[in-house]
Protein backbone atom coordinates (compact mmCIF):
# COMPACT_ATOMS: atom_id res chain seq x y z
CA MET A 1 -11.28 -10.41 -21.07
CA ARG A 2 -14.57 -11.50 -22.55
CA GLN A 3 -17.10 -8.77 -23.60
CA PRO A 4 -19.97 -7.31 -22.14
CA SER A 5 -21.35 -9.54 -19.58
CA VAL A 6 -18.12 -10.46 -18.03
CA ILE A 7 -16.94 -6.51 -18.12
CA ALA A 8 -20.10 -5.98 -16.47
CA ARG A 9 -18.89 -8.41 -13.54
CA ARG A 10 -15.59 -7.20 -13.40
CA VAL A 11 -16.20 -3.41 -13.51
CA ALA A 12 -18.93 -4.55 -10.45
CA ALA A 13 -15.88 -5.74 -9.14
CA ALA A 14 -15.00 -4.02 -12.90
CA SER A 15 -13.50 -6.70 -13.29
CA VAL A 16 -12.32 -3.96 -14.41
CA SER A 17 -11.53 -4.22 -13.94
CA LEU A 18 -13.77 -3.39 -13.44
CA VAL A 19 -12.85 -4.29 -15.37
CA VAL A 20 -14.25 -2.67 -15.27
CA ALA A 21 -15.67 -5.32 -17.66
CA ALA A 22 -16.94 -6.94 -18.34
CA GLY A 23 -15.02 -6.90 -17.78
CA ALA A 24 -15.50 -5.89 -17.35
CA VAL A 25 -15.06 -5.69 -16.08
CA ALA A 26 -14.89 -0.06 -14.13
CA CYS A 27 -15.52 7.13 -9.38
CA GLY A 28 -13.19 10.19 -7.66
CA PRO A 29 -13.01 13.58 -8.98
CA GLU A 30 -11.57 14.95 -12.12
CA ASP A 31 -7.92 15.42 -10.91
CA ASN A 32 -8.43 11.80 -8.87
CA ASP A 33 -7.58 13.79 -5.64
CA ALA A 34 -8.73 11.85 -2.54
CA LYS A 35 -8.61 14.62 -0.02
CA SER A 36 -10.51 17.09 -2.13
CA ALA A 37 -13.04 14.38 -2.93
CA GLY A 38 -13.64 13.21 0.38
CA GLY A 39 -13.43 16.46 2.35
CA ASP A 40 -10.91 17.87 4.54
CA SER A 41 -11.43 15.36 7.39
CA THR A 42 -9.28 12.49 8.32
CA PRO A 43 -10.73 9.11 7.65
CA HIS A 44 -11.45 7.29 10.86
CA ARG A 45 -12.61 3.71 11.71
CA GLY A 46 -16.18 2.83 12.36
CA GLY A 47 -19.63 3.13 11.10
CA THR A 48 -21.56 1.17 8.15
CA LEU A 49 -20.78 1.50 4.52
CA THR A 50 -23.82 0.88 2.36
CA VAL A 51 -23.42 -0.13 -1.27
CA LEU A 52 -26.40 0.51 -3.86
CA ASN A 53 -25.88 -1.75 -6.85
CA SER A 54 -28.02 -2.93 -9.69
CA ASN A 55 -26.38 -6.32 -10.25
CA PRO A 56 -26.46 -8.79 -7.21
CA GLN A 57 -23.11 -10.11 -6.40
CA GLN A 58 -23.67 -13.58 -7.42
CA ASP A 59 -21.46 -16.70 -7.08
CA PHE A 60 -19.95 -15.39 -4.09
CA ASP A 61 -17.43 -18.06 -4.20
CA PRO A 62 -13.64 -17.46 -5.24
CA ALA A 63 -13.44 -20.30 -7.65
CA ARG A 64 -16.64 -18.69 -9.55
CA LEU A 65 -15.77 -15.32 -9.74
CA TYR A 66 -14.13 -13.39 -12.77
CA THR A 67 -12.97 -9.91 -11.48
CA SER A 68 -10.22 -7.81 -12.25
CA GLY A 69 -7.44 -7.41 -9.61
CA GLY A 70 -9.31 -9.48 -7.15
CA GLY A 71 -12.82 -7.32 -7.63
CA ASN A 72 -14.12 -4.63 -5.50
CA VAL A 73 -16.56 -6.19 -2.97
CA PRO A 74 -14.87 -9.71 -3.13
CA SER A 75 -11.36 -8.33 -2.10
CA LEU A 76 -12.88 -7.15 1.05
CA VAL A 77 -13.26 -10.91 1.91
CA PHE A 78 -10.89 -12.74 -0.34
CA ARG A 79 -7.07 -11.99 -0.25
CA THR A 80 -4.59 -13.34 -3.26
CA LEU A 81 -1.19 -13.69 -3.68
CA THR A 82 -0.84 -10.62 -5.22
CA THR A 83 -3.52 -7.58 -5.75
CA ARG A 84 -3.89 -4.39 -7.50
CA ASN A 85 -2.10 -1.02 -5.96
CA ARG A 86 -4.86 0.98 -3.91
CA GLU A 87 -3.98 4.18 -5.08
CA ASN A 88 -5.18 7.05 -7.49
CA GLY A 89 -4.88 6.95 -11.23
CA GLU A 90 -1.77 5.59 -12.95
CA ALA A 91 -0.11 4.49 -9.67
CA GLY A 92 -3.00 2.00 -8.89
CA ALA A 93 -2.47 0.16 -12.39
CA LYS A 94 0.63 -1.59 -10.78
CA VAL A 95 0.35 -5.21 -9.25
CA VAL A 96 1.54 -5.49 -5.39
CA PRO A 97 2.19 -8.19 -3.15
CA ASP A 98 -1.02 -9.50 -0.90
CA LEU A 99 -0.64 -12.67 0.74
CA ALA A 100 2.89 -13.05 -0.93
CA THR A 101 6.02 -11.16 0.44
CA ASP A 102 6.51 -10.17 -3.04
CA THR A 103 4.88 -10.21 -6.51
CA GLY A 104 6.66 -13.45 -7.32
CA ARG A 105 10.36 -14.91 -8.39
CA PRO A 106 10.59 -16.38 -11.88
CA ASN A 107 12.89 -18.80 -13.28
CA LYS A 108 15.23 -17.60 -16.31
CA ASP A 109 12.63 -18.25 -19.01
CA ALA A 110 9.42 -17.24 -16.59
CA THR A 111 7.88 -20.84 -16.84
CA VAL A 112 8.50 -21.22 -13.05
CA TRP A 113 6.99 -18.93 -10.48
CA THR A 114 7.67 -19.11 -6.72
CA TYR A 115 6.04 -17.47 -3.95
CA THR A 116 6.42 -17.30 -0.43
CA LEU A 117 3.65 -16.23 2.04
CA LYS A 118 3.76 -13.65 4.77
CA GLU A 119 4.07 -14.78 8.36
CA GLY A 120 1.20 -14.43 10.66
CA LEU A 121 -1.93 -14.94 8.12
CA LYS A 122 -4.98 -15.81 9.58
CA TYR A 123 -8.70 -16.96 8.63
CA GLU A 124 -11.81 -15.49 10.40
CA ASP A 125 -11.46 -18.30 12.75
CA GLY A 126 -8.11 -18.05 13.68
CA SER A 127 -6.31 -20.70 12.06
CA PRO A 128 -3.35 -20.40 9.74
CA ILE A 129 -3.31 -19.52 5.92
CA THR A 130 -0.95 -22.13 4.15
CA THR A 131 0.03 -22.64 0.76
CA ALA A 132 -1.90 -26.07 0.72
CA ASP A 133 -4.87 -23.71 0.98
CA ILE A 134 -3.90 -21.61 -2.04
CA LYS A 135 -3.41 -25.05 -4.00
CA TYR A 136 -6.59 -26.45 -2.97
CA GLY A 137 -8.42 -23.27 -3.84
CA ILE A 138 -7.07 -23.04 -7.56
CA GLU A 139 -7.74 -26.89 -7.88
CA ARG A 140 -11.61 -26.44 -6.97
CA SER A 141 -11.91 -23.56 -9.52
CA PHE A 142 -11.48 -26.51 -12.01
CA ALA A 143 -14.60 -28.09 -10.71
CA PRO A 144 -17.41 -28.14 -13.88
CA GLU A 145 -19.86 -27.06 -11.09
CA LEU A 146 -17.83 -24.13 -9.75
CA SER A 147 -16.96 -22.80 -13.15
CA GLY A 148 -16.97 -19.20 -14.17
CA GLY A 149 -13.69 -17.94 -13.26
CA ALA A 150 -10.81 -16.76 -15.33
CA PRO A 151 -9.58 -19.38 -17.72
CA TYR A 152 -6.07 -18.83 -17.80
CA LEU A 153 -4.85 -21.63 -15.29
CA ARG A 154 -6.20 -24.33 -17.38
CA ASP A 155 -4.05 -23.05 -20.44
CA TRP A 156 -1.09 -21.89 -18.47
CA LEU A 157 -0.35 -24.71 -16.17
CA VAL A 158 1.42 -27.78 -17.08
CA GLY A 159 -1.30 -30.68 -17.33
CA ALA A 160 -4.26 -28.67 -16.42
CA ALA A 161 -6.14 -28.72 -19.80
CA ASP A 162 -8.19 -31.93 -18.74
CA TYR A 163 -8.20 -31.63 -14.95
CA GLN A 164 -11.77 -31.79 -13.63
CA GLY A 165 -11.29 -30.37 -9.94
CA PRO A 166 -10.62 -31.91 -6.72
CA TYR A 167 -14.12 -33.42 -6.10
CA LYS A 168 -13.44 -35.83 -8.99
CA ASP A 169 -9.40 -36.08 -9.14
CA LYS A 170 -8.25 -36.23 -5.46
CA LYS A 171 -4.68 -36.60 -6.73
CA GLY A 172 -4.63 -32.68 -7.46
CA LEU A 173 -2.44 -30.75 -9.99
CA ALA A 174 1.16 -31.58 -10.03
CA ALA A 175 1.87 -28.33 -11.72
CA ILE A 176 1.59 -26.70 -8.14
CA GLU A 177 3.85 -27.56 -5.75
CA THR A 178 3.77 -26.54 -1.91
CA PRO A 179 7.28 -28.16 -0.34
CA ASP A 180 6.13 -26.18 2.89
CA ALA A 181 3.34 -24.38 4.35
CA ARG A 182 4.54 -20.83 3.31
CA THR A 183 6.17 -21.79 -0.32
CA ILE A 184 4.16 -22.18 -3.39
CA VAL A 185 5.49 -23.15 -6.91
CA PHE A 186 3.70 -22.77 -10.38
CA HIS A 187 5.02 -24.68 -13.38
CA LEU A 188 3.77 -23.50 -16.61
CA ASN A 189 3.50 -24.52 -20.16
CA LYS A 190 5.07 -21.53 -21.82
CA PRO A 191 6.68 -17.97 -20.46
CA GLU A 192 4.22 -16.02 -18.96
CA GLY A 193 6.00 -12.61 -17.59
CA GLU A 194 2.51 -11.43 -16.58
CA PHE A 195 1.85 -14.45 -14.00
CA PRO A 196 1.87 -11.46 -10.78
CA TYR A 197 -1.14 -9.89 -12.83
CA LEU A 198 -3.07 -13.34 -12.74
CA ALA A 199 -2.29 -13.89 -9.02
CA THR A 200 -4.74 -11.12 -8.35
CA GLN A 201 -7.63 -13.17 -9.52
CA THR A 202 -9.94 -14.71 -6.87
CA GLN A 203 -8.78 -18.22 -7.76
CA PHE A 204 -5.92 -17.76 -5.81
CA THR A 205 -7.80 -17.01 -2.62
CA PRO A 206 -6.84 -19.56 -0.07
CA VAL A 207 -9.71 -21.97 0.73
CA PRO A 208 -9.49 -24.49 3.52
CA LYS A 209 -10.30 -27.99 2.61
CA ALA A 210 -12.05 -28.98 5.59
CA LYS A 211 -14.48 -25.83 5.38
CA ASP A 212 -15.22 -26.52 2.03
CA THR A 213 -18.96 -27.16 1.28
CA GLY A 214 -18.98 -27.46 -2.60
CA THR A 215 -21.60 -25.25 -4.28
CA LYS A 216 -22.82 -24.11 -1.13
CA TYR A 217 -19.41 -22.37 0.05
CA GLU A 218 -20.52 -19.04 -1.48
CA GLN A 219 -23.04 -18.56 1.21
CA HIS A 220 -20.17 -18.61 3.87
CA PRO A 221 -16.85 -18.41 2.31
CA VAL A 222 -14.09 -18.31 5.00
CA SER A 223 -12.48 -15.05 5.12
CA SER A 224 -8.74 -14.20 4.65
CA GLY A 225 -9.38 -10.65 4.15
CA PRO A 226 -10.72 -7.69 6.79
CA TYR A 227 -14.56 -8.63 6.51
CA LYS A 228 -16.50 -11.93 6.67
CA VAL A 229 -20.08 -12.72 5.32
CA VAL A 230 -22.44 -12.75 7.91
CA THR A 231 -25.67 -12.52 5.34
CA ASN A 232 -26.04 -13.47 1.89
CA GLU A 233 -29.63 -13.40 0.70
CA ASN A 234 -30.69 -14.31 -2.62
CA ASP A 235 -27.68 -15.33 -4.49
CA GLY A 236 -25.88 -12.10 -3.43
CA GLU A 237 -28.67 -9.67 -3.94
CA ARG A 238 -27.61 -8.54 -0.17
CA LEU A 239 -24.71 -9.17 1.31
CA VAL A 240 -23.87 -8.01 4.90
CA LEU A 241 -19.85 -8.09 5.71
CA GLU A 242 -18.66 -7.48 9.54
CA ARG A 243 -14.99 -7.22 10.45
CA ASN A 244 -12.76 -10.28 10.51
CA THR A 245 -10.97 -9.91 13.78
CA HIS A 246 -8.28 -12.21 12.77
CA TRP A 247 -7.30 -10.32 10.00
CA SER A 248 -4.07 -7.99 10.76
CA ALA A 249 -3.50 -4.46 9.16
CA SER A 250 0.50 -5.61 9.61
CA THR A 251 -0.11 -8.25 7.01
CA ASP A 252 -1.90 -6.21 4.50
CA ALA A 253 -0.71 -2.70 3.39
CA GLU A 254 -3.45 -2.19 0.87
CA ARG A 255 -7.06 -2.61 2.35
CA LYS A 256 -7.74 0.12 5.04
CA ALA A 257 -10.86 -1.40 6.13
CA TYR A 258 -12.07 1.90 7.88
CA PRO A 259 -15.88 0.81 8.17
CA ASP A 260 -17.18 -1.74 10.91
CA LYS A 261 -19.66 -3.00 8.64
CA VAL A 262 -20.43 -3.13 4.64
CA ASP A 263 -24.15 -3.32 3.72
CA VAL A 264 -24.40 -4.27 0.12
CA ARG A 265 -27.96 -4.05 -1.48
CA SER A 266 -28.51 -4.94 -5.08
CA GLY A 267 -31.53 -5.37 -7.77
CA LEU A 268 -32.07 -1.73 -7.79
CA ASP A 269 -32.85 0.35 -10.67
CA SER A 270 -30.07 2.64 -11.78
CA SER A 271 -32.05 5.66 -11.41
CA VAL A 272 -33.18 4.92 -8.12
CA ILE A 273 -29.55 4.31 -7.27
CA ASN A 274 -28.69 7.75 -8.51
CA GLN A 275 -31.55 9.27 -6.76
CA ARG A 276 -30.80 8.08 -3.61
CA LEU A 277 -26.97 9.04 -3.88
CA SER A 278 -27.76 12.43 -5.04
CA ALA A 279 -30.39 12.93 -1.78
CA SER A 280 -27.96 11.39 0.66
CA GLN A 281 -30.51 10.91 3.17
CA GLY A 282 -30.23 8.47 6.35
CA ALA A 283 -28.12 5.76 5.61
CA ASP A 284 -27.36 6.48 1.82
CA ALA A 285 -25.27 9.57 2.87
CA ALA A 286 -22.55 6.92 3.60
CA ALA A 287 -23.28 5.00 0.28
CA VAL A 288 -21.39 4.28 -2.79
CA THR A 289 -22.11 2.04 -5.68
CA THR A 290 -19.88 -0.51 -7.44
CA ASP A 291 -21.85 -0.73 -10.78
CA THR A 292 -24.10 2.03 -11.47
CA ASN A 293 -22.87 5.05 -14.07
CA LEU A 294 -24.53 8.44 -14.34
CA GLY A 295 -25.96 8.63 -17.58
CA PRO A 296 -25.85 11.80 -19.87
CA ALA A 297 -29.06 13.35 -18.81
CA GLU A 298 -28.08 12.76 -15.20
CA LEU A 299 -24.71 14.20 -15.37
CA ALA A 300 -26.07 17.05 -17.08
CA LYS A 301 -28.26 17.91 -14.07
CA VAL A 302 -25.53 17.09 -11.30
CA SER A 303 -23.18 19.17 -13.28
CA GLY A 304 -25.29 22.20 -12.47
CA ASP A 305 -25.24 21.62 -8.87
CA LYS A 306 -22.05 22.40 -7.13
CA GLU A 307 -22.46 20.17 -3.90
CA LEU A 308 -23.55 17.09 -6.39
CA ALA A 309 -20.76 17.89 -8.67
CA ALA A 310 -18.35 17.88 -5.70
CA ARG A 311 -19.61 14.02 -5.11
CA VAL A 312 -18.80 12.60 -8.65
CA GLY A 313 -16.13 10.54 -9.03
CA THR A 314 -14.37 10.06 -12.61
CA GLY A 315 -12.44 7.08 -13.39
CA HIS A 316 -10.95 5.27 -16.57
CA PHE A 317 -10.93 1.33 -16.88
CA GLY A 318 -8.69 -0.08 -20.07
CA TYR A 319 -11.62 -0.48 -22.28
CA THR A 320 -12.04 0.44 -26.17
CA ASN A 321 -15.20 0.77 -28.19
CA TYR A 322 -14.45 0.03 -31.74
CA ILE A 323 -15.59 -1.18 -35.57
CA ALA A 324 -14.69 -4.47 -36.21
CA PHE A 325 -14.27 -5.73 -40.15
CA ASN A 326 -14.30 -9.62 -41.04
CA PRO A 327 -11.87 -9.27 -43.99
CA LYS A 328 -13.35 -12.54 -45.31
CA ILE A 329 -16.47 -10.89 -46.35
CA LYS A 330 -16.52 -8.37 -49.36
CA PRO A 331 -15.94 -5.62 -49.71
CA PHE A 332 -14.18 -5.63 -46.37
CA ASP A 333 -11.27 -7.88 -47.87
CA ASN A 334 -10.08 -4.82 -49.54
CA ALA A 335 -7.85 -2.74 -47.28
CA LYS A 336 -8.54 0.36 -49.06
CA VAL A 337 -12.10 -0.20 -48.35
CA ARG A 338 -11.37 -0.60 -44.58
CA GLN A 339 -9.34 2.60 -44.71
CA ALA A 340 -11.71 4.53 -46.40
CA ILE A 341 -14.30 3.96 -43.55
CA SER A 342 -11.36 4.59 -41.03
CA TYR A 343 -10.90 7.97 -42.74
CA ALA A 344 -14.63 8.88 -42.96
CA ILE A 345 -15.40 7.99 -39.24
CA ASP A 346 -16.73 11.24 -37.19
CA ARG A 347 -15.28 10.58 -33.69
CA SER A 348 -17.17 13.96 -32.36
CA SER A 349 -20.46 12.49 -33.50
CA VAL A 350 -19.76 8.99 -32.01
CA VAL A 351 -18.18 10.74 -28.52
CA ASN A 352 -21.56 12.73 -28.44
CA ALA A 353 -23.69 9.53 -28.96
CA ALA A 354 -21.75 7.96 -26.34
CA GLY A 355 -22.96 10.58 -24.15
CA GLY A 356 -20.33 13.61 -24.78
CA SER A 357 -17.00 14.43 -23.98
CA ALA A 358 -17.33 14.16 -20.06
CA LEU A 359 -18.28 10.27 -20.68
CA ALA A 360 -16.06 9.20 -23.73
CA GLU A 361 -12.85 9.81 -25.09
CA PRO A 362 -12.06 9.73 -28.79
CA ALA A 363 -9.56 6.79 -29.65
CA THR A 364 -7.35 6.34 -32.60
CA THR A 365 -5.58 3.61 -30.85
CA PHE A 366 -6.75 0.06 -30.04
CA LEU A 367 -5.04 -0.06 -26.73
CA PRO A 368 -6.63 2.31 -24.07
CA ASN A 369 -4.80 5.62 -23.29
CA GLN A 370 -2.95 4.67 -20.35
CA LYS A 371 0.90 3.82 -19.65
CA SER A 372 0.45 0.43 -18.11
CA PHE A 373 -1.08 -0.79 -21.35
CA GLY A 374 1.75 0.45 -23.05
CA HIS A 375 -0.25 3.17 -24.99
CA THR A 376 1.78 4.50 -28.05
CA GLU A 377 -0.12 7.38 -29.89
CA TYR A 378 -0.62 6.99 -33.57
CA ASP A 379 -3.38 7.89 -35.96
CA HIS A 380 -2.85 6.10 -39.28
CA PHE A 381 -5.92 7.23 -41.12
CA PRO A 382 -6.26 10.93 -39.69
CA ALA A 383 -9.87 11.85 -39.84
CA GLY A 384 -9.64 14.86 -37.73
CA ASP A 385 -12.74 15.48 -35.37
CA ALA A 386 -15.44 15.28 -38.19
CA GLY A 387 -13.98 12.59 -40.61
CA ASP A 388 -11.91 13.27 -44.01
CA ALA A 389 -14.88 12.45 -46.60
CA ALA A 390 -12.83 13.36 -49.26
CA LYS A 391 -9.88 11.28 -48.31
CA ALA A 392 -12.41 8.12 -47.71
CA LYS A 393 -13.88 8.92 -51.54
CA GLU A 394 -10.41 8.81 -52.86
CA LEU A 395 -9.54 5.45 -51.46
CA LEU A 396 -13.06 4.19 -52.28
CA GLN A 397 -12.22 5.17 -55.93
CA GLU A 398 -8.88 3.36 -55.82
CA ALA A 399 -10.80 0.45 -54.68
CA GLY A 400 -13.09 0.20 -57.51
CA TYR A 401 -16.12 2.08 -55.86
CA ALA A 402 -16.11 5.41 -57.43
CA LYS A 403 -19.74 5.54 -57.17
CA GLY A 404 -19.68 4.76 -53.34
CA LEU A 405 -21.19 1.49 -51.95
CA THR A 406 -23.75 -0.13 -49.78
CA VAL A 407 -22.69 -2.05 -46.46
CA THR A 408 -24.67 -3.48 -43.58
CA LEU A 409 -23.50 -2.52 -39.97
CA THR A 410 -24.58 -5.24 -37.34
CA HIS A 411 -24.91 -3.34 -33.63
CA SER A 412 -27.12 -4.38 -30.43
CA ASN A 413 -30.27 -2.74 -29.50
CA ALA A 414 -29.33 -2.77 -25.68
CA LYS A 415 -29.21 0.91 -24.74
CA ASP A 416 -25.56 0.62 -23.47
CA PHE A 417 -24.46 3.78 -25.44
CA GLU A 418 -21.52 1.54 -26.57
CA THR A 419 -22.79 -0.88 -29.23
CA SER A 420 -26.10 0.42 -29.40
CA PRO A 421 -28.52 2.17 -31.93
CA GLU A 422 -27.15 5.73 -30.88
CA ILE A 423 -23.57 4.89 -32.11
CA ALA A 424 -24.59 2.72 -35.12
CA THR A 425 -26.52 6.04 -36.32
CA ALA A 426 -23.28 8.21 -35.85
CA VAL A 427 -21.52 5.93 -37.82
CA GLN A 428 -24.23 5.83 -40.45
CA ASP A 429 -24.30 9.54 -40.74
CA ALA A 430 -20.58 10.27 -41.36
CA LEU A 431 -19.87 7.54 -43.84
CA LYS A 432 -22.91 8.89 -45.84
CA LYS A 433 -20.71 12.05 -46.41
CA ALA A 434 -18.40 9.88 -47.93
CA GLY A 435 -20.80 8.12 -50.28
CA ILE A 436 -20.96 5.01 -48.27
CA THR A 437 -24.63 3.99 -47.40
CA VAL A 438 -24.93 2.11 -44.29
CA GLU A 439 -28.07 0.11 -43.63
CA LEU A 440 -28.40 -0.97 -39.78
CA GLN A 441 -28.87 -4.35 -38.73
CA GLY A 442 -29.96 -3.99 -34.81
CA LEU A 443 -30.16 -7.40 -32.96
CA GLU A 444 -31.14 -8.28 -29.22
CA GLU A 445 -28.26 -8.37 -27.07
CA ASN A 446 -28.02 -12.35 -26.81
CA ASP A 447 -28.52 -12.70 -30.71
CA TYR A 448 -25.85 -10.06 -31.44
CA SER A 449 -23.40 -11.52 -29.05
CA ASP A 450 -24.01 -14.81 -30.60
CA LYS A 451 -23.72 -13.57 -34.30
CA ILE A 452 -20.47 -11.58 -33.79
CA HIS A 453 -18.56 -14.15 -31.64
CA SER A 454 -19.18 -17.19 -34.22
CA VAL A 455 -16.68 -17.65 -36.94
CA LYS A 456 -19.23 -18.98 -38.99
CA THR A 457 -21.89 -16.28 -38.63
CA GLU A 458 -19.57 -13.17 -38.04
CA PRO A 459 -20.68 -10.04 -40.15
CA GLY A 460 -18.51 -8.27 -42.02
CA PHE A 461 -18.96 -5.09 -40.45
CA PHE A 462 -19.94 -4.35 -36.58
CA LEU A 463 -19.78 -2.42 -33.38
CA ALA A 464 -17.61 -4.35 -30.85
CA HIS A 465 -15.89 -3.71 -27.51
CA TRP A 466 -13.16 -5.12 -25.28
CA GLY A 467 -11.81 -4.53 -21.89
CA ALA A 468 -8.65 -5.70 -20.14
CA ASP A 469 -8.61 -8.85 -17.34
CA TRP A 470 -5.71 -6.40 -16.21
CA PRO A 471 -3.85 -3.24 -17.06
CA SER A 472 -1.46 -4.73 -19.60
CA GLY A 473 -1.38 -4.98 -23.39
CA GLY A 474 -1.20 -8.78 -23.35
CA PRO A 475 -4.93 -9.49 -22.22
CA PHE A 476 -5.98 -6.62 -24.64
CA LEU A 477 -4.18 -7.67 -27.93
CA ALA A 478 -3.60 -11.51 -27.35
CA PRO A 479 -7.38 -12.41 -27.80
CA ILE A 480 -8.48 -10.02 -30.73
CA PHE A 481 -4.96 -10.50 -32.94
CA ASP A 482 -3.52 -13.82 -31.98
CA GLY A 483 -4.14 -16.26 -34.98
CA ARG A 484 -3.63 -19.27 -32.55
CA GLN A 485 -6.75 -17.78 -30.46
CA ILE A 486 -9.03 -18.08 -33.26
CA VAL A 487 -11.93 -20.43 -32.24
CA LYS A 488 -13.62 -22.06 -35.09
CA ASP A 489 -16.20 -24.05 -32.93
CA GLY A 490 -17.00 -21.73 -29.99
CA ALA A 491 -16.90 -18.11 -28.88
CA ASN A 492 -14.32 -16.44 -30.97
CA PHE A 493 -13.03 -12.82 -30.20
CA ASN A 494 -10.39 -12.58 -33.07
CA THR A 495 -12.85 -10.34 -34.85
CA GLY A 496 -10.39 -9.93 -37.86
CA LEU A 497 -9.54 -13.43 -38.04
CA LEU A 498 -5.74 -12.27 -38.27
CA ASP A 499 -3.26 -15.09 -38.16
CA ASP A 500 0.02 -13.26 -38.90
CA LYS A 501 3.25 -15.34 -37.98
CA SER A 502 5.00 -11.98 -37.08
CA VAL A 503 2.38 -10.87 -34.61
CA ASN A 504 2.11 -14.33 -32.90
CA THR A 505 6.01 -14.28 -32.65
CA GLU A 506 6.18 -10.93 -31.07
CA ILE A 507 3.24 -11.78 -28.68
CA ASP A 508 5.28 -14.87 -27.41
CA ALA A 509 8.45 -12.61 -27.21
CA ILE A 510 6.67 -9.98 -25.10
CA ASN A 511 4.84 -12.59 -22.75
CA LYS A 512 8.70 -13.89 -21.68
CA LEU A 513 9.27 -10.51 -20.40
CA THR A 514 9.22 -10.20 -16.69
CA ASP A 515 9.98 -6.63 -16.77
CA LEU A 516 6.76 -5.31 -16.97
CA ASP A 517 7.48 -1.62 -18.39
CA ALA A 518 9.41 -2.96 -21.02
CA ALA A 519 6.65 -5.43 -21.69
CA ALA A 520 4.15 -2.31 -21.99
CA LYS A 521 6.62 -0.50 -24.49
CA ARG A 522 6.48 -3.84 -27.00
CA TRP A 523 2.85 -3.97 -26.47
CA GLY A 524 2.50 -0.24 -27.77
CA ALA A 525 4.62 -0.72 -30.78
CA LEU A 526 2.55 -3.73 -31.63
CA ASP A 527 -0.47 -1.86 -31.35
CA ALA A 528 0.86 0.55 -33.72
CA LYS A 529 1.95 -2.26 -36.21
CA ILE A 530 -1.30 -3.79 -36.18
CA GLY A 531 -3.31 -0.83 -36.43
CA GLU A 532 -1.58 -0.20 -40.02
CA GLN A 533 -3.85 -3.22 -41.29
CA ALA A 534 -7.04 -1.46 -40.44
CA LEU A 535 -8.87 -4.59 -39.10
CA THR A 536 -10.54 -2.20 -36.40
CA VAL A 537 -11.74 1.60 -36.15
CA PRO A 538 -10.89 2.57 -32.72
CA LEU A 539 -13.85 4.93 -31.82
CA PHE A 540 -13.68 5.88 -28.21
CA HIS A 541 -12.79 5.07 -24.47
CA PRO A 542 -15.35 5.32 -21.93
CA VAL A 543 -15.26 7.49 -18.77
CA TYR A 544 -16.80 6.49 -15.54
CA LYS A 545 -18.79 8.91 -13.66
CA ARG A 546 -20.65 8.03 -10.26
CA LEU A 547 -22.05 9.60 -7.61
CA TYR A 548 -21.42 8.91 -3.71
CA GLY A 549 -22.64 9.82 -0.80
CA LYS A 550 -21.93 13.33 1.08
CA ASP A 551 -20.68 11.31 4.07
CA ILE A 552 -18.17 9.18 2.37
CA LYS A 553 -14.27 9.96 2.71
CA ASN A 554 -11.09 9.10 1.42
CA VAL A 555 -12.29 8.42 -2.12
CA VAL A 556 -9.63 6.49 -4.32
CA ILE A 557 -9.91 5.41 -8.08
CA SER A 558 -7.49 3.84 -9.85
CA ASP A 559 -6.79 3.11 -13.47
CA TRP A 560 -6.90 -0.68 -13.01
CA THR A 561 -10.55 -0.67 -12.34
CA GLY A 562 -11.55 2.93 -12.98
CA VAL A 563 -14.17 2.85 -9.96
CA LEU A 564 -14.09 3.83 -6.44
CA ASP A 565 -12.28 1.31 -4.32
CA ILE A 566 -14.26 0.31 -1.17
CA SER A 567 -11.29 -1.32 0.66
CA GLN A 568 -10.30 2.53 0.96
CA VAL A 569 -13.67 4.35 2.08
CA ALA A 570 -14.30 5.87 5.46
CA VAL A 571 -17.58 7.17 6.46
CA LYS A 572 -18.22 9.95 9.17
């Protein structure tokens, strides 16, 4: 994943996914019990589902979307080779077939992946979906004018690095073969056991070449899912979706498609969204949001109302907020200084600054605390709930700072309860007890992002966060700790500038595994190994709390996106 703005897209997917990011990038009741969340009535077809969002669903073109698991609103229109399992909690973090008959058949070293399409697949106009359409859909995502999607295909497909899309290069990508209308074969540069996860991205959506209108395609993309676009106003500010009568549930085990119509209204203030969902008047009684959380004050109010509390969904998206060190800058080149800060952190105060235990869970591991990521519990620098100032002072003395030291912590001024002043102040207060004076450097969001993502300007000590493109350790650990992903003249995410041969080698070895459960265990072990170097201080994992209208039924929230899945929702 990439950081904040992408997480927002995914979680509004998050996307996610959901992430959500940013992914993004992310609900259902505390126990994720869909029946208790949606009442005791059986979900039925019919009615209109209203979606109230802050962020417009911009660039509604499968080539341009960067979503986790195919997104939330997008996956109502766009089907892909594989998709996320639409179930609650941990079960929802699995990848399952969508247009394809299975999650893919790799060759021995996972450099060639073959898929077969299900029979009877049709577009909204009744014409058949073919593998040539999927190949074309992927190829058009390389066109510069349709940029914005996930970058993996350019890196993974043989000969794709300099491809400019079918508008300029009509020969297409030789790395994608379509020997017949139902078979598609992908040739990769290197082993990629997680290719089935990538095949959930919207770039794998079929696009009929004859219906491609380039940059205008987003106005009316040809649907392969249960709904088609009938209105797209102001670049996704309002989307109206109605049934695709040629979609067949017999070919789609994942999307329930209960409502007859989905009306997405965006550009709303978050407080207005929560007020409307709380009141649940008129059409808002059958409304949800895919991108607006409850804040601390709103959650406190809602929790005191039994009826409203029953309409709060809780979700978890693979996402970690952390302190990052640049070990090229003093005094952070000294491992004992980094360890001292790790011991000094008061996670209880950080969690409170993030909105409290209902909205944040303390973290001691970089990987999120979910099985699919390979989460392996460790705490190399046990600070307890309130920090261990005595141990921190001991390490500072060993590092040559017996009288303490002064450092600068860079953070964002955005009111996001993640990298914002509240979190920075909590860190400042905790380190003061250990004899570390922290001077705060708050930057506007764009300046902050530019500064921390440039090798040339990266500070020594700053707040950061990361979310997953899919629920696995791969897209979580590799961008942050693979030395070959250090970008010297562009956006860099390897904050610790780590280039450890043993880490790089293990990443390659895990990527070869097609047994995703076995891979998860290896990712967890690698996380624990990297954690010993104290290149980051994990702080907390966010928890998503979202209201939904009183007439919403069948609430499903997976650990893939962390947010209510509107493909499962029914209305009274």
